[in-house]
Amino acid sequence: MKYKPEDYSISDTQFYGLDDGDIENYKEKLVKCRKPHKCMGGCDGEIQIGQYAIRETGFMDGKPISSYTCTDCMDKWLDELNECD
């Protein structure tokens, strides 16, 4: 991880550009993966066991959803945001 854990916030950085109302009961958490997951952050890579990722959960259109975004994708996004400052 390139940044501090508290910097890895999907909602604070507007990573996906979703409105707050798009997902009900939205939660996100930086987690250490216990099994492989597909990254939904743009690289479509596989997040390996033991790697950190941002796990998102909530409900969209009344159905439960969850996704994982690798820290590499978030690092690139945070780098772009920091260049704009």
Foldseek 3Di string as FASTA:
>chain_A
DPDDQVLPDCVVLVQVVDDPPQFAPKDKHWDQDQAWFQAPSPPRDIDHHRFIWIWIWTDGPRHIDIHTHGVVSVVVSVVVVVVVD
